[in-house]
Amino acid sequence: MKKLKLAALAREELAGGVRRRVARHGRFELVEYRYPPGAAFPVHRHEAEQLTVVLQGRLILTTPQGERLELGPGEVAFVEANEPHGAIVPDDLGEEVVTLNVFTPPRAELPGG
């Protein structure tokens, strides 16, 4: 077993004011994302399966085909390996969005940075 404190991890600043903290252990990668109102994360894909939990705010996951999946606090999305997806934060609420994301296996390259 291993314990860590998310707040103790280095915070990385990405384009558009998006911030993330990353922890890896074995076959798992955990990422905390913080999105400002109106932020957009470009469509990308990766070989890892992804589970996204929204802790605060509202997040819209998007696909190149125009599909939209809106998530609020306590809701979870599963993204299959190699499934193209992006994210949009509506700016009408004016609040930061916080998510926890689990990837397996850990990604070789992180998008957005």
N, C-alpha and C. Protein backbone atom coordinates (compact mmCIF):
# COMPACT_ATOMS: atom_id res chain seq x y z
N MET A 1 0.83 -1.18 0.00
CA MET A 1 0.00 0.00 0.00
C MET A 1 0.87 1.24 0.00
N LYS A 2 0.28 2.32 -0.49
CA LYS A 2 0.99 3.59 -0.55
C LYS A 2 -0.01 4.71 -0.33
N LYS A 3 0.39 5.71 0.44
CA LYS A 3 -0.46 6.85 0.72
C LYS A 3 0.19 8.11 0.15
N LEU A 4 -0.65 9.00 -0.38
CA LEU A 4 -0.13 10.29 -0.82
C LEU A 4 -1.18 11.36 -0.56
N LYS A 5 -0.72 12.59 -0.58
CA LYS A 5 -1.61 13.73 -0.38
C LYS A 5 -1.61 14.53 -1.68
N LEU A 6 -2.77 14.65 -2.32
CA LEU A 6 -2.84 15.35 -3.60
C LEU A 6 -2.26 16.75 -3.51
N ALA A 7 -2.56 17.47 -2.46
CA ALA A 7 -2.09 18.84 -2.31
C ALA A 7 -0.57 18.92 -2.26
N ALA A 8 0.11 17.83 -1.94
CA ALA A 8 1.57 17.84 -1.86
C ALA A 8 2.23 17.60 -3.22
N LEU A 9 1.45 17.19 -4.21
CA LEU A 9 1.98 16.93 -5.55
C LEU A 9 2.21 18.24 -6.29
N ALA A 10 3.20 18.24 -7.16
CA ALA A 10 3.48 19.43 -7.98
C ALA A 10 2.29 19.72 -8.88
N ARG A 11 1.95 21.00 -9.01
CA ARG A 11 0.84 21.42 -9.87
C ARG A 11 1.42 21.90 -11.19
N GLU A 12 0.86 21.40 -12.27
CA GLU A 12 1.30 21.77 -13.61
C GLU A 12 0.26 22.70 -14.23
N GLU A 13 0.72 23.80 -14.81
CA GLU A 13 -0.17 24.75 -15.47
C GLU A 13 -0.21 24.43 -16.96
N LEU A 14 -1.42 24.29 -17.50
CA LEU A 14 -1.60 23.98 -18.92
C LEU A 14 -2.22 25.18 -19.62
N ALA A 15 -2.40 25.08 -20.91
CA ALA A 15 -3.02 26.15 -21.69
C ALA A 15 -4.43 26.42 -21.18
N GLY A 16 -4.85 27.65 -21.29
CA GLY A 16 -6.21 28.02 -20.92
C GLY A 16 -6.48 28.05 -19.43
N GLY A 17 -5.44 28.02 -18.61
CA GLY A 17 -5.63 28.09 -17.17
C GLY A 17 -5.95 26.77 -16.50
N VAL A 18 -5.94 25.67 -17.27
CA VAL A 18 -6.18 24.34 -16.70
C VAL A 18 -4.96 23.94 -15.88
N ARG A 19 -5.20 23.35 -14.71
CA ARG A 19 -4.11 22.90 -13.84
C ARG A 19 -4.30 21.41 -13.54
N ARG A 20 -3.20 20.70 -13.33
CA ARG A 20 -3.30 19.28 -12.98
C ARG A 20 -2.20 18.88 -12.03
N ARG A 21 -2.50 17.81 -11.28
CA ARG A 21 -1.53 17.13 -10.41
C ARG A 21 -1.59 15.65 -10.81
N VAL A 22 -0.44 15.01 -10.90
CA VAL A 22 -0.38 13.64 -11.39
C VAL A 22 0.34 12.75 -10.39
N ALA A 23 -0.25 11.58 -10.14
CA ALA A 23 0.38 10.55 -9.31
C ALA A 23 0.33 9.24 -10.08
N ARG A 24 1.42 8.50 -10.03
CA ARG A 24 1.47 7.19 -10.69
C ARG A 24 1.93 6.15 -9.69
N HIS A 25 1.33 4.97 -9.80
CA HIS A 25 1.74 3.84 -8.97
C HIS A 25 1.33 2.57 -9.68
N GLY A 26 2.31 1.71 -9.96
CA GLY A 26 2.01 0.45 -10.64
C GLY A 26 1.31 0.69 -11.97
N ARG A 27 0.15 0.08 -12.13
CA ARG A 27 -0.60 0.18 -13.40
C ARG A 27 -1.65 1.28 -13.39
N PHE A 28 -1.55 2.20 -12.43
CA PHE A 28 -2.54 3.27 -12.32
C PHE A 28 -1.89 4.64 -12.41
N GLU A 29 -2.67 5.55 -12.94
CA GLU A 29 -2.30 6.97 -12.97
C GLU A 29 -3.52 7.73 -12.46
N LEU A 30 -3.31 8.62 -11.51
CA LEU A 30 -4.38 9.45 -10.95
C LEU A 30 -4.06 10.90 -11.27
N VAL A 31 -5.05 11.61 -11.84
CA VAL A 31 -4.84 13.01 -12.20
C VAL A 31 -5.99 13.84 -11.64
N GLU A 32 -5.63 14.88 -10.90
CA GLU A 32 -6.61 15.87 -10.48
C GLU A 32 -6.51 17.02 -11.48
N TYR A 33 -7.64 17.32 -12.14
CA TYR A 33 -7.70 18.47 -13.04
C TYR A 33 -8.54 19.55 -12.40
N ARG A 34 -8.12 20.81 -12.61
CA ARG A 34 -8.89 21.98 -12.19
C ARG A 34 -9.03 22.88 -13.41
N TYR A 35 -10.29 23.08 -13.83
CA TYR A 35 -10.60 23.85 -15.02
C TYR A 35 -11.27 25.17 -14.63
N PRO A 36 -10.80 26.30 -15.15
CA PRO A 36 -11.51 27.56 -14.89
C PRO A 36 -12.78 27.63 -15.75
N PRO A 37 -13.71 28.51 -15.39
CA PRO A 37 -14.91 28.67 -16.22
C PRO A 37 -14.54 28.99 -17.66
N GLY A 38 -15.22 28.34 -18.60
CA GLY A 38 -14.99 28.57 -20.01
C GLY A 38 -13.81 27.82 -20.61
N ALA A 39 -13.11 27.03 -19.83
CA ALA A 39 -11.94 26.30 -20.33
C ALA A 39 -12.35 25.21 -21.31
N ALA A 40 -11.43 24.89 -22.20
CA ALA A 40 -11.64 23.78 -23.13
C ALA A 40 -10.36 22.96 -23.19
N PHE A 41 -10.52 21.64 -23.18
CA PHE A 41 -9.38 20.72 -23.30
C PHE A 41 -9.53 20.07 -24.67
N PRO A 42 -8.53 20.18 -25.53
CA PRO A 42 -8.68 19.71 -26.92
C PRO A 42 -8.95 18.21 -27.03
N VAL A 43 -9.60 17.84 -28.12
CA VAL A 43 -9.85 16.43 -28.40
C VAL A 43 -8.52 15.71 -28.53
N HIS A 44 -8.43 14.57 -27.89
CA HIS A 44 -7.21 13.76 -27.90
C HIS A 44 -7.61 12.30 -27.69
N ARG A 45 -6.67 11.43 -27.76
CA ARG A 45 -6.90 10.00 -27.49
C ARG A 45 -5.65 9.43 -26.85
N HIS A 46 -5.83 8.31 -26.14
CA HIS A 46 -4.70 7.63 -25.52
C HIS A 46 -5.03 6.16 -25.38
N GLU A 47 -4.00 5.36 -25.21
CA GLU A 47 -4.20 3.90 -25.11
C GLU A 47 -4.78 3.47 -23.78
N ALA A 48 -4.79 4.36 -22.81
CA ALA A 48 -5.31 4.03 -21.48
C ALA A 48 -6.83 4.13 -21.45
N GLU A 49 -7.45 3.29 -20.64
CA GLU A 49 -8.85 3.47 -20.30
C GLU A 49 -8.91 4.58 -19.26
N GLN A 50 -10.01 5.31 -19.23
CA GLN A 50 -10.12 6.47 -18.35
C GLN A 50 -11.45 6.45 -17.60
N LEU A 51 -11.37 6.80 -16.34
CA LEU A 51 -12.55 6.99 -15.50
C LEU A 51 -12.45 8.41 -14.96
N THR A 52 -13.48 9.22 -15.17
CA THR A 52 -13.48 10.61 -14.71
C THR A 52 -14.62 10.82 -13.72
N VAL A 53 -14.30 11.35 -12.55
CA VAL A 53 -15.29 11.67 -11.52
C VAL A 53 -15.29 13.19 -11.35
N VAL A 54 -16.45 13.80 -11.50
CA VAL A 54 -16.56 15.24 -11.27
C VAL A 54 -16.82 15.46 -9.79
N LEU A 55 -15.96 16.24 -9.16
CA LEU A 55 -16.10 16.55 -7.73
C LEU A 55 -16.82 17.87 -7.52
N GLN A 56 -16.61 18.81 -8.45
CA GLN A 56 -17.18 20.15 -8.31
C GLN A 56 -17.44 20.73 -9.70
N GLY A 57 -18.56 21.40 -9.87
CA GLY A 57 -18.87 22.08 -11.12
C GLY A 57 -19.52 21.17 -12.14
N ARG A 58 -19.49 21.63 -13.40
CA ARG A 58 -20.12 20.92 -14.50
C ARG A 58 -19.13 20.81 -15.64
N LEU A 59 -18.97 19.62 -16.19
CA LEU A 59 -18.02 19.34 -17.26
C LEU A 59 -18.76 18.68 -18.41
N ILE A 60 -18.43 19.06 -19.63
CA ILE A 60 -19.02 18.43 -20.81
C ILE A 60 -17.91 17.73 -21.57
N LEU A 61 -18.01 16.40 -21.68
CA LEU A 61 -17.07 15.64 -22.50
C LEU A 61 -17.60 15.65 -23.93
N THR A 62 -16.69 15.81 -24.89
CA THR A 62 -17.08 15.91 -26.30
C THR A 62 -16.34 14.89 -27.15
N THR A 63 -16.88 14.63 -28.34
CA THR A 63 -16.22 13.77 -29.33
C THR A 63 -16.17 14.52 -30.65
N PRO A 64 -15.30 14.09 -31.57
CA PRO A 64 -15.24 14.75 -32.88
C PRO A 64 -16.56 14.63 -33.65
N GLN A 65 -17.39 13.65 -33.33
CA GLN A 65 -18.67 13.46 -34.01
C GLN A 65 -19.77 14.36 -33.44
N GLY A 66 -19.43 15.18 -32.45
CA GLY A 66 -20.41 16.11 -31.90
C GLY A 66 -21.18 15.58 -30.70
N GLU A 67 -20.85 14.39 -30.22
CA GLU A 67 -21.51 13.87 -29.02
C GLU A 67 -21.09 14.69 -27.81
N ARG A 68 -22.01 14.87 -26.87
CA ARG A 68 -21.74 15.63 -25.65
C ARG A 68 -22.30 14.85 -24.47
N LEU A 69 -21.48 14.71 -23.45
CA LEU A 69 -21.88 14.02 -22.23
C LEU A 69 -21.65 14.99 -21.08
N GLU A 70 -22.74 15.49 -20.49
CA GLU A 70 -22.63 16.47 -19.42
C GLU A 70 -22.60 15.78 -18.07
N LEU A 71 -21.63 16.18 -17.25
CA LEU A 71 -21.43 15.57 -15.93
C LEU A 71 -21.46 16.64 -14.85
N GLY A 72 -22.05 16.31 -13.70
CA GLY A 72 -22.05 17.18 -12.54
C GLY A 72 -21.42 16.48 -11.36
N PRO A 73 -21.41 17.12 -10.20
CA PRO A 73 -20.77 16.55 -9.02
C PRO A 73 -21.29 15.14 -8.70
N GLY A 74 -20.35 14.23 -8.47
CA GLY A 74 -20.69 12.85 -8.14
C GLY A 74 -20.97 11.97 -9.33
N GLU A 75 -20.92 12.52 -10.53
CA GLU A 75 -21.16 11.70 -11.72
C GLU A 75 -19.84 11.23 -12.32
N VAL A 76 -19.90 10.07 -12.97
CA VAL A 76 -18.70 9.39 -13.47
C VAL A 76 -18.85 9.09 -14.95
N ALA A 77 -17.78 9.26 -15.70
CA ALA A 77 -17.75 8.88 -17.11
C ALA A 77 -16.63 7.88 -17.32
N PHE A 78 -16.88 6.93 -18.19
CA PHE A 78 -15.87 5.96 -18.59
C PHE A 78 -15.52 6.23 -20.05
N VAL A 79 -14.23 6.34 -20.36
CA VAL A 79 -13.76 6.57 -21.71
C VAL A 79 -12.93 5.35 -22.10
N GLU A 80 -13.31 4.72 -23.20
CA GLU A 80 -12.60 3.54 -23.67
C GLU A 80 -11.20 3.91 -24.20
N ALA A 81 -10.31 2.95 -24.24
CA ALA A 81 -8.97 3.15 -24.80
C ALA A 81 -9.11 3.61 -26.26
N ASN A 82 -8.32 4.60 -26.65
CA ASN A 82 -8.27 5.14 -28.01
C ASN A 82 -9.55 5.84 -28.47
N GLU A 83 -10.47 6.14 -27.56
CA GLU A 83 -11.69 6.86 -27.91
C GLU A 83 -11.39 8.37 -27.90
N PRO A 84 -11.54 9.04 -29.06
CA PRO A 84 -11.27 10.48 -29.09
C PRO A 84 -12.26 11.23 -28.19
N HIS A 85 -11.73 12.17 -27.39
CA HIS A 85 -12.59 12.93 -26.49
C HIS A 85 -11.89 14.23 -26.08
N GLY A 86 -12.69 15.20 -25.70
CA GLY A 86 -12.20 16.47 -25.20
C GLY A 86 -13.11 16.89 -24.07
N ALA A 87 -12.91 18.10 -23.55
CA ALA A 87 -13.73 18.58 -22.44
C ALA A 87 -13.96 20.08 -22.58
N ILE A 88 -15.17 20.48 -22.18
CA ILE A 88 -15.54 21.89 -22.18
C ILE A 88 -16.15 22.20 -20.81
N VAL A 89 -15.80 23.37 -20.28
CA VAL A 89 -16.39 23.83 -19.02
C VAL A 89 -17.32 25.00 -19.35
N PRO A 90 -18.61 24.84 -19.10
CA PRO A 90 -19.51 25.98 -19.34
C PRO A 90 -19.11 27.16 -18.46
N ASP A 91 -19.19 28.36 -19.00
CA ASP A 91 -18.81 29.52 -18.19
C ASP A 91 -20.01 30.22 -17.58
N ASP A 92 -21.21 29.71 -17.80
CA ASP A 92 -22.41 30.37 -17.28
C ASP A 92 -22.53 30.29 -15.76
N LEU A 93 -21.91 29.30 -15.14
CA LEU A 93 -21.98 29.19 -13.69
C LEU A 93 -20.84 29.94 -13.00
N GLY A 94 -19.79 30.23 -13.74
CA GLY A 94 -18.68 30.98 -13.18
C GLY A 94 -17.90 30.25 -12.10
N GLU A 95 -17.93 28.91 -12.12
CA GLU A 95 -17.20 28.18 -11.08
C GLU A 95 -16.16 27.24 -11.66
N GLU A 96 -15.12 27.03 -10.89
CA GLU A 96 -14.07 26.09 -11.25
C GLU A 96 -14.64 24.66 -11.25
N VAL A 97 -14.14 23.85 -12.16
CA VAL A 97 -14.51 22.43 -12.19
C VAL A 97 -13.31 21.62 -11.69
N VAL A 98 -13.58 20.67 -10.80
CA VAL A 98 -12.54 19.80 -10.26
C VAL A 98 -12.92 18.36 -10.58
N THR A 99 -11.98 17.62 -11.18
CA THR A 99 -12.22 16.21 -11.48
C THR A 99 -11.05 15.36 -10.97
N LEU A 100 -11.35 14.12 -10.68
CA LEU A 100 -10.32 13.09 -10.45
C LEU A 100 -10.44 12.11 -11.59
N ASN A 101 -9.31 11.78 -12.19
CA ASN A 101 -9.28 10.89 -13.34
C ASN A 101 -8.33 9.74 -13.07
N VAL A 102 -8.77 8.53 -13.37
CA VAL A 102 -7.93 7.35 -13.21
C VAL A 102 -7.68 6.78 -14.60
N PHE A 103 -6.42 6.49 -14.89
CA PHE A 103 -6.04 5.92 -16.17
C PHE A 103 -5.31 4.60 -15.92
N THR A 104 -5.59 3.62 -16.76
CA THR A 104 -4.85 2.37 -16.69
C THR A 104 -4.74 1.81 -18.10
N PRO A 105 -3.55 1.46 -18.52
CA PRO A 105 -2.27 1.68 -17.84
C PRO A 105 -1.90 3.16 -17.87
N PRO A 106 -0.90 3.58 -17.10
CA PRO A 106 -0.47 4.98 -17.13
C PRO A 106 -0.09 5.40 -18.56
N ARG A 107 -0.40 6.62 -18.90
CA ARG A 107 -0.13 7.12 -20.26
C ARG A 107 1.36 7.46 -20.42
N ALA A 108 1.87 7.19 -21.61
CA ALA A 108 3.27 7.50 -21.91
C ALA A 108 3.48 9.01 -22.03
N GLU A 109 2.49 9.70 -22.62
CA GLU A 109 2.56 11.15 -22.79
C GLU A 109 1.25 11.75 -22.28
N LEU A 110 1.36 12.87 -21.61
CA LEU A 110 0.16 13.55 -21.10
C LEU A 110 -0.29 14.60 -22.11
N PRO A 111 -1.59 14.62 -22.45
CA PRO A 111 -2.08 15.63 -23.38
C PRO A 111 -2.14 17.00 -22.73
N GLY A 112 -2.10 18.02 -23.55
CA GLY A 112 -2.29 19.37 -23.06
C GLY A 112 -1.05 20.03 -22.50
N GLY A 113 0.03 19.34 -22.40
CA GLY A 113 1.21 19.96 -21.80
C GLY A 113 2.39 19.71 -22.59
